[in-house]
């Protein structure tokens, strides 16, 4: 049920340090007491987690979930 509604994450590709990291804003603890009730009431605490994009993508492919990427057209100063 938790994957039905989706969430947001930022993928940051840094060509200077050669990193490709996902900052995931939809992370939560399945073992949280009262998980389902808190989730359905919108009271579940969410966390920011980070992982390499290759790992993030692999998990989504394994679980048959889609990823939509929107590229932000930022200037060098904004980056």
PDB file of N, CA and C in Angstrom:
ATOM      1  N   UNK A   1       0.813  -1.196   0.000  1.00  0.00           N
ATOM      2  CA  UNK A   1       0.000   0.000   0.000  1.00  0.00           C
ATOM      3  C   UNK A   1       0.862   1.267   0.000  1.00  0.00           C
ATOM      4  N   UNK A   2       1.984   1.236   0.718  1.00  0.00           N
ATOM      5  CA  UNK A   2       2.808   2.440   0.841  1.00  0.00           C
ATOM      6  C   UNK A   2       3.373   2.907  -0.497  1.00  0.00           C
ATOM      7  N   UNK A   3       3.543   2.004  -1.457  1.00  0.00           N
ATOM      8  CA  UNK A   3       4.162   2.381  -2.733  1.00  0.00           C
ATOM      9  C   UNK A   3       3.140   2.897  -3.748  1.00  0.00           C
ATOM     10  N   UNK A   4       1.870   2.839  -3.421  1.00  0.00           N
ATOM     11  CA  UNK A   4       0.818   3.253  -4.345  1.00  0.00           C
ATOM     12  C   UNK A   4       0.873   4.739  -4.659  1.00  0.00           C
ATOM     13  N   UNK A   5       1.194   5.565  -3.694  1.00  0.00           N
ATOM     14  CA  UNK A   5       1.080   7.005  -3.841  1.00  0.00           C
ATOM     15  C   UNK A   5       2.368   7.693  -4.278  1.00  0.00           C
ATOM     16  N   UNK A   6       3.492   7.018  -4.202  1.00  0.00           N
ATOM     17  CA  UNK A   6       4.757   7.601  -4.628  1.00  0.00           C
ATOM     18  C   UNK A   6       5.282   8.638  -3.654  1.00  0.00           C
ATOM     19  N   UNK A   7       6.422   9.181  -3.987  1.00  0.00           N
ATOM     20  CA  UNK A   7       7.044  10.216  -3.170  1.00  0.00           C
ATOM     21  C   UNK A   7       8.126  10.888  -4.001  1.00  0.00           C
ATOM     22  N   UNK A   8       8.807  11.816  -3.392  1.00  0.00           N
ATOM     23  CA  UNK A   8       9.833  12.572  -4.107  1.00  0.00           C
ATOM     24  C   UNK A   8      11.226  12.258  -3.600  1.00  0.00           C
ATOM     25  N   UNK A   9      12.150  12.292  -4.524  1.00  0.00           N
ATOM     26  CA  UNK A   9      13.563  12.130  -4.202  1.00  0.00           C
ATOM     27  C   UNK A   9      14.344  13.017  -5.163  1.00  0.00           C
ATOM     28  N   UNK A  10      15.486  13.465  -4.730  1.00  0.00           N
ATOM     29  CA  UNK A  10      16.367  14.251  -5.599  1.00  0.00           C
ATOM     30  C   UNK A  10      17.575  13.407  -5.961  1.00  0.00           C
ATOM     31  N   UNK A  11      17.873  13.361  -7.235  1.00  0.00           N
ATOM     32  CA  UNK A  11      19.078  12.700  -7.718  1.00  0.00           C
ATOM     33  C   UNK A  11      20.096  13.786  -8.019  1.00  0.00           C
ATOM     34  N   UNK A  12      21.242  13.692  -7.408  1.00  0.00           N
ATOM     35  CA  UNK A  12      22.287  14.691  -7.604  1.00  0.00           C
ATOM     36  C   UNK A  12      23.500  14.010  -8.228  1.00  0.00           C
ATOM     37  N   UNK A  13      23.750  14.353  -9.484  1.00  0.00           N
ATOM     38  CA  UNK A  13      24.909  13.834 -10.202  1.00  0.00           C
ATOM     39  C   UNK A  13      25.978  14.913 -10.143  1.00  0.00           C
ATOM     40  N   UNK A  14      27.095  14.606  -9.504  1.00  0.00           N
ATOM     41  CA  UNK A  14      28.195  15.554  -9.362  1.00  0.00           C
ATOM     42  C   UNK A  14      29.369  15.046 -10.187  1.00  0.00           C
ATOM     43  N   UNK A  15      29.585  15.684 -11.327  1.00  0.00           N
ATOM     44  CA  UNK A  15      30.650  15.232 -12.231  1.00  0.00           C
ATOM     45  C   UNK A  15      32.038  15.563 -11.687  1.00  0.00           C
ATOM     46  N   UNK A  16      32.141  16.527 -10.782  1.00  0.00           N
ATOM     47  CA  UNK A  16      33.439  16.855 -10.189  1.00  0.00           C
ATOM     48  C   UNK A  16      33.913  15.757  -9.237  1.00  0.00           C
ATOM     49  N   UNK A  17      33.015  15.288  -8.383  1.00  0.00           N
ATOM     50  CA  UNK A  17      33.408  14.248  -7.430  1.00  0.00           C
ATOM     51  C   UNK A  17      32.991  12.855  -7.910  1.00  0.00           C
ATOM     52  N   UNK A  18      32.421  12.794  -9.099  1.00  0.00           N
ATOM     53  CA  UNK A  18      31.984  11.549  -9.736  1.00  0.00           C
ATOM     54  C   UNK A  18      31.054  10.756  -8.808  1.00  0.00           C
ATOM     55  N   UNK A  19      30.000  11.419  -8.347  1.00  0.00           N
ATOM     56  CA  UNK A  19      29.002  10.757  -7.512  1.00  0.00           C
ATOM     57  C   UNK A  19      27.622  10.886  -8.161  1.00  0.00           C
ATOM     58  N   UNK A  20      26.764   9.950  -7.829  1.00  0.00           N
ATOM     59  CA  UNK A  20      25.392   9.924  -8.322  1.00  0.00           C
ATOM     60  C   UNK A  20      24.538   9.429  -7.158  1.00  0.00           C
ATOM     61  N   UNK A  21      24.027  10.379  -6.371  1.00  0.00           N
ATOM     62  CA  UNK A  21      23.368  10.083  -5.101  1.00  0.00           C
ATOM     63  C   UNK A  21      21.895  10.470  -5.174  1.00  0.00           C
ATOM     64  N   UNK A  22      21.049   9.634  -4.579  1.00  0.00           N
ATOM     65  CA  UNK A  22      19.627   9.932  -4.458  1.00  0.00           C
ATOM     66  C   UNK A  22      19.348  10.333  -3.013  1.00  0.00           C
ATOM     67  N   UNK A  23      18.707  11.474  -2.843  1.00  0.00           N
ATOM     68  CA  UNK A  23      18.259  11.958  -1.533  1.00  0.00           C
ATOM     69  C   UNK A  23      16.758  11.656  -1.475  1.00  0.00           C
ATOM     70  N   UNK A  24      16.404  10.625  -0.733  1.00  0.00           N
ATOM     71  CA  UNK A  24      15.058  10.073  -0.732  1.00  0.00           C
ATOM     72  C   UNK A  24      14.257  10.642   0.431  1.00  0.00           C
ATOM     73  N   UNK A  25      13.185  11.357   0.109  1.00  0.00           N
ATOM     74  CA  UNK A  25      12.347  11.982   1.127  1.00  0.00           C
ATOM     75  C   UNK A  25      11.180  11.098   1.555  1.00  0.00           C
ATOM     76  N   UNK A  26      11.171   9.828   1.148  1.00  0.00           N
ATOM     77  CA  UNK A  26      10.060   8.950   1.478  1.00  0.00           C
ATOM     78  C   UNK A  26      10.455   7.753   2.303  1.00  0.00           C
ATOM     79  N   UNK A  27      11.446   7.873   3.146  1.00  0.00           N
ATOM     80  CA  UNK A  27      11.927   6.743   3.936  1.00  0.00           C
ATOM     81  C   UNK A  27      11.204   6.705   5.282  1.00  0.00           C
ATOM     82  N   UNK A  28      10.814   5.506   5.680  1.00  0.00           N
ATOM     83  CA  UNK A  28      10.173   5.347   6.977  1.00  0.00           C
ATOM     84  C   UNK A  28      10.563   4.003   7.571  1.00  0.00           C
ATOM     85  N   UNK A  29      10.195   3.787   8.820  1.00  0.00           N
ATOM     86  CA  UNK A  29      10.548   2.579   9.546  1.00  0.00           C
ATOM     87  C   UNK A  29       9.339   1.645   9.584  1.00  0.00           C
ATOM     88  N   UNK A  30       9.435   0.507   8.866  1.00  0.00           N
ATOM     89  CA  UNK A  30       8.350  -0.476   8.870  1.00  0.00           C
ATOM     90  C   UNK A  30       8.087  -1.040  10.265  1.00  0.00           C
ATOM     91  N   UNK A  31       9.078  -1.006  11.132  1.00  0.00           N
ATOM     92  CA  UNK A  31       8.944  -1.568  12.481  1.00  0.00           C
ATOM     93  C   UNK A  31       8.389  -0.570  13.489  1.00  0.00           C
ATOM     94  N   UNK A  32       8.026   0.621  13.021  1.00  0.00           N
ATOM     95  CA  UNK A  32       7.455   1.638  13.903  1.00  0.00           C
ATOM     96  C   UNK A  32       6.173   1.081  14.536  1.00  0.00           C
ATOM     97  N   UNK A  33       6.043   1.216  15.862  1.00  0.00           N
ATOM     98  CA  UNK A  33       4.818   0.772  16.531  1.00  0.00           C
ATOM     99  C   UNK A  33       3.609   1.483  15.922  1.00  0.00           C
ATOM    100  N   UNK A  34       2.609   0.717  15.548  1.00  0.00           N
ATOM    101  CA  UNK A  34       1.409   1.304  14.959  1.00  0.00           C
ATOM    102  C   UNK A  34       1.619   1.788  13.537  1.00  0.00           C
ATOM    103  N   UNK A  35       2.553   1.176  12.813  1.00  0.00           N
ATOM    104  CA  UNK A  35       2.917   1.624  11.456  1.00  0.00           C
ATOM    105  C   UNK A  35       1.697   1.864  10.570  1.00  0.00           C
ATOM    106  N   UNK A  36       0.859   0.858  10.397  1.00  0.00           N
ATOM    107  CA  UNK A  36      -0.256   0.963   9.460  1.00  0.00           C
ATOM    108  C   UNK A  36      -1.237   2.062   9.856  1.00  0.00           C
ATOM    109  N   UNK A  37      -1.554   2.137  11.122  1.00  0.00           N
ATOM    110  CA  UNK A  37      -2.475   3.167  11.598  1.00  0.00           C
ATOM    111  C   UNK A  37      -1.883   4.558  11.396  1.00  0.00           C
ATOM    112  N   UNK A  38      -0.620   4.726  11.764  1.00  0.00           N
ATOM    113  CA  UNK A  38       0.039   6.023  11.573  1.00  0.00           C
ATOM    114  C   UNK A  38       0.117   6.389  10.091  1.00  0.00           C
ATOM    115  N   UNK A  39       0.416   5.394   9.259  1.00  0.00           N
ATOM    116  CA  UNK A  39       0.512   5.647   7.822  1.00  0.00           C
ATOM    117  C   UNK A  39      -0.832   6.107   7.262  1.00  0.00           C
ATOM    118  N   UNK A  40      -1.906   5.389   7.583  1.00  0.00           N
ATOM    119  CA  UNK A  40      -3.219   5.733   7.038  1.00  0.00           C
ATOM    120  C   UNK A  40      -3.750   7.058   7.575  1.00  0.00           C
ATOM    121  N   UNK A  41      -3.308   7.443   8.757  1.00  0.00           N
ATOM    122  CA  UNK A  41      -3.739   8.719   9.338  1.00  0.00           C
ATOM    123  C   UNK A  41      -2.829   9.888   8.935  1.00  0.00           C
ATOM    124  N   UNK A  42      -1.751   9.582   8.224  1.00  0.00           N
ATOM    125  CA  UNK A  42      -0.822  10.643   7.837  1.00  0.00           C
ATOM    126  C   UNK A  42       0.053  11.113   8.986  1.00  0.00           C
ATOM    127  N   UNK A  43       0.243  10.255   9.985  1.00  0.00           N
ATOM    128  CA  UNK A  43       1.016  10.621  11.176  1.00  0.00           C
ATOM    129  C   UNK A  43       2.381   9.936  11.236  1.00  0.00           C
ATOM    130  N   UNK A  44       2.716   9.185  10.204  1.00  0.00           N
ATOM    131  CA  UNK A  44       3.977   8.454  10.200  1.00  0.00           C
ATOM    132  C   UNK A  44       5.147   9.417  10.000  1.00  0.00           C
ATOM    133  N   UNK A  45       6.209   9.207  10.761  1.00  0.00           N
ATOM    134  CA  UNK A  45       7.402  10.028  10.603  1.00  0.00           C
ATOM    135  C   UNK A  45       8.206   9.549   9.397  1.00  0.00           C
ATOM    136  N   UNK A  46       8.578  10.461   8.535  1.00  0.00           N
ATOM    137  CA  UNK A  46       9.398  10.149   7.367  1.00  0.00           C
ATOM    138  C   UNK A  46      10.794  10.713   7.582  1.00  0.00           C
ATOM    139  N   UNK A  47      11.754  10.092   6.931  1.00  0.00           N
ATOM    140  CA  UNK A  47      13.148  10.472   7.092  1.00  0.00           C
ATOM    141  C   UNK A  47      13.788  10.699   5.729  1.00  0.00           C
ATOM    142  N   UNK A  48      14.847  11.440   5.733  1.00  0.00           N
ATOM    143  CA  UNK A  48      15.670  11.609   4.539  1.00  0.00           C
ATOM    144  C   UNK A  48      16.756  10.549   4.585  1.00  0.00           C
ATOM    145  N   UNK A  49      16.879   9.796   3.500  1.00  0.00           N
ATOM    146  CA  UNK A  49      17.963   8.820   3.402  1.00  0.00           C
ATOM    147  C   UNK A  49      18.707   9.067   2.098  1.00  0.00           C
ATOM    148  N   UNK A  50      19.920   8.565   2.030  1.00  0.00           N
ATOM    149  CA  UNK A  50      20.712   8.700   0.808  1.00  0.00           C
ATOM    150  C   UNK A  50      21.192   7.327   0.369  1.00  0.00           C
ATOM    151  N   UNK A  51      21.315   7.175  -0.936  1.00  0.00           N
ATOM    152  CA  UNK A  51      21.879   5.947  -1.498  1.00  0.00           C
ATOM    153  C   UNK A  51      22.364   6.233  -2.911  1.00  0.00           C
ATOM    154  N   UNK A  52      23.222   5.375  -3.388  1.00  0.00           N
ATOM    155  CA  UNK A  52      23.690   5.521  -4.759  1.00  0.00           C
ATOM    156  C   UNK A  52      22.540   5.252  -5.718  1.00  0.00           C
ATOM    157  N   UNK A  53      22.491   6.017  -6.803  1.00  0.00           N
ATOM    158  CA  UNK A  53      21.399   5.872  -7.753  1.00  0.00           C
ATOM    159  C   UNK A  53      21.305   4.450  -8.309  1.00  0.00           C
ATOM    160  N   UNK A  54      22.429   3.802  -8.548  1.00  0.00           N
ATOM    161  CA  UNK A  54      22.398   2.440  -9.090  1.00  0.00           C
ATOM    162  C   UNK A  54      21.640   1.501  -8.145  1.00  0.00           C
ATOM    163  N   UNK A  55      21.839   1.646  -6.843  1.00  0.00           N
ATOM    164  CA  UNK A  55      21.127   0.820  -5.859  1.00  0.00           C
ATOM    165  C   UNK A  55      19.637   1.169  -5.825  1.00  0.00           C
ATOM    166  N   UNK A  56      19.347   2.461  -5.853  1.00  0.00           N
ATOM    167  CA  UNK A  56      17.966   2.947  -5.851  1.00  0.00           C
ATOM    168  C   UNK A  56      17.219   2.399  -7.065  1.00  0.00           C
ATOM    169  N   UNK A  57      17.821   2.524  -8.229  1.00  0.00           N
ATOM    170  CA  UNK A  57      17.206   2.065  -9.478  1.00  0.00           C
ATOM    171  C   UNK A  57      16.997   0.549  -9.475  1.00  0.00           C
ATOM    172  N   UNK A  58      17.984  -0.178  -8.987  1.00  0.00           N
ATOM    173  CA  UNK A  58      17.890  -1.638  -8.942  1.00  0.00           C
ATOM    174  C   UNK A  58      16.718  -2.087  -8.072  1.00  0.00           C
ATOM    175  N   UNK A  59      16.554  -1.473  -6.911  1.00  0.00           N
ATOM    176  CA  UNK A  59      15.442  -1.815  -6.026  1.00  0.00           C
ATOM    177  C   UNK A  59      14.102  -1.545  -6.703  1.00  0.00           C
ATOM    178  N   UNK A  60      13.995  -0.399  -7.367  1.00  0.00           N
ATOM    179  CA  UNK A  60      12.743  -0.062  -8.043  1.00  0.00           C
ATOM    180  C   UNK A  60      12.455  -1.037  -9.179  1.00  0.00           C
ATOM    181  N   UNK A  61      13.473  -1.445  -9.899  1.00  0.00           N
ATOM    182  CA  UNK A  61      13.265  -2.419 -10.965  1.00  0.00           C
ATOM    183  C   UNK A  61      12.836  -3.767 -10.392  1.00  0.00           C
ATOM    184  N   UNK A  62      13.457  -4.201  -9.310  1.00  0.00           N
ATOM    185  CA  UNK A  62      13.129  -5.487  -8.688  1.00  0.00           C
ATOM    186  C   UNK A  62      11.695  -5.523  -8.169  1.00  0.00           C
ATOM    187  N   UNK A  63      11.192  -4.376  -7.731  1.00  0.00           N
ATOM    188  CA  UNK A  63       9.849  -4.308  -7.154  1.00  0.00           C
ATOM    189  C   UNK A  63       8.821  -3.781  -8.152  1.00  0.00           C
ATOM    190  N   UNK A  64       9.229  -3.700  -9.427  1.00  0.00           N
ATOM    191  CA  UNK A  64       8.340  -3.287 -10.514  1.00  0.00           C
ATOM    192  C   UNK A  64       7.702  -1.916 -10.265  1.00  0.00           C
ATOM    193  N   UNK A  65       8.523  -0.984  -9.793  1.00  0.00           N
ATOM    194  CA  UNK A  65       8.061   0.387  -9.543  1.00  0.00           C
ATOM    195  C   UNK A  65       8.697   1.311 -10.574  1.00  0.00           C
ATOM    196  N   UNK A  66       7.982   2.336 -10.940  1.00  0.00           N
ATOM    197  CA  UNK A  66       8.481   3.276 -11.931  1.00  0.00           C
ATOM    198  C   UNK A  66       9.245   4.426 -11.309  1.00  0.00           C
ATOM    199  N   UNK A  67      10.100   5.012 -12.117  1.00  0.00           N
ATOM    200  CA  UNK A  67      10.839   6.214 -11.736  1.00  0.00           C
ATOM    201  C   UNK A  67      10.636   7.226 -12.851  1.00  0.00           C
ATOM    202  N   UNK A  68      10.221   8.418 -12.496  1.00  0.00           N
ATOM    203  CA  UNK A  68      10.102   9.509 -13.451  1.00  0.00           C
ATOM    204  C   UNK A  68      11.122  10.563 -13.061  1.00  0.00           C
ATOM    205  N   UNK A  69      11.992  10.888 -13.990  1.00  0.00           N
ATOM    206  CA  UNK A  69      13.038  11.872 -13.701  1.00  0.00           C
ATOM    207  C   UNK A  69      12.713  13.185 -14.393  1.00  0.00           C
ATOM    208  N   UNK A  70      12.724  14.258 -13.625  1.00  0.00           N
ATOM    209  CA  UNK A  70      12.556  15.603 -14.151  1.00  0.00           C
ATOM    210  C   UNK A  70      13.878  16.321 -13.979  1.00  0.00           C
ATOM    211  N   UNK A  71      14.498  16.681 -15.082  1.00  0.00           N
ATOM    212  CA  UNK A  71      15.790  17.359 -15.032  1.00  0.00           C
ATOM    213  C   UNK A  71      15.552  18.843 -14.760  1.00  0.00           C
ATOM    214  N   UNK A  72      16.235  19.358 -13.754  1.00  0.00           N
ATOM    215  CA  UNK A  72      16.132  20.776 -13.415  1.00  0.00           C
ATOM    216  C   UNK A  72      17.209  21.536 -14.176  1.00  0.00           C
ATOM    217  N   UNK A  73      16.797  22.587 -14.858  1.00  0.00           N
ATOM    218  CA  UNK A  73      17.716  23.410 -15.640  1.00  0.00           C
ATOM    219  C   UNK A  73      18.276  24.510 -14.735  1.00  0.00           C
ATOM    220  N   UNK A  74      19.302  24.157 -13.961  1.00  0.00           N
ATOM    221  CA  UNK A  74      19.896  25.099 -13.006  1.00  0.00           C
ATOM    222  C   UNK A  74      21.170  25.705 -13.573  1.00  0.00           C
ATOM    223  N   UNK A  75      21.384  26.950 -13.235  1.00  0.00           N
ATOM    224  CA  UNK A  75      22.634  27.591 -13.617  1.00  0.00           C
ATOM    225  C   UNK A  75      23.762  27.058 -12.721  1.00  0.00           C
ATOM    226  N   UNK A  76      24.988  27.354 -13.074  1.00  0.00           N
ATOM    227  CA  UNK A  76      26.135  26.926 -12.256  1.00  0.00           C
ATOM    228  C   UNK A  76      26.029  27.497 -10.841  1.00  0.00           C
ATOM    229  N   UNK A  77      25.592  28.739 -10.724  1.00  0.00           N
ATOM    230  CA  UNK A  77      25.472  29.375  -9.409  1.00  0.00           C
ATOM    231  C   UNK A  77      24.372  28.697  -8.577  1.00  0.00           C
ATOM    232  N   UNK A  78      23.263  28.306  -9.212  1.00  0.00           N
ATOM    233  CA  UNK A  78      22.178  27.633  -8.504  1.00  0.00           C
ATOM    234  C   UNK A  78      22.607  26.240  -8.041  1.00  0.00           C
ATOM    235  N   UNK A  79      23.401  25.565  -8.839  1.00  0.00           N
ATOM    236  CA  UNK A  79      23.887  24.237  -8.450  1.00  0.00           C
ATOM    237  C   UNK A  79      24.775  24.360  -7.242  1.00  0.00           C
TER     238      UNK A  79
END
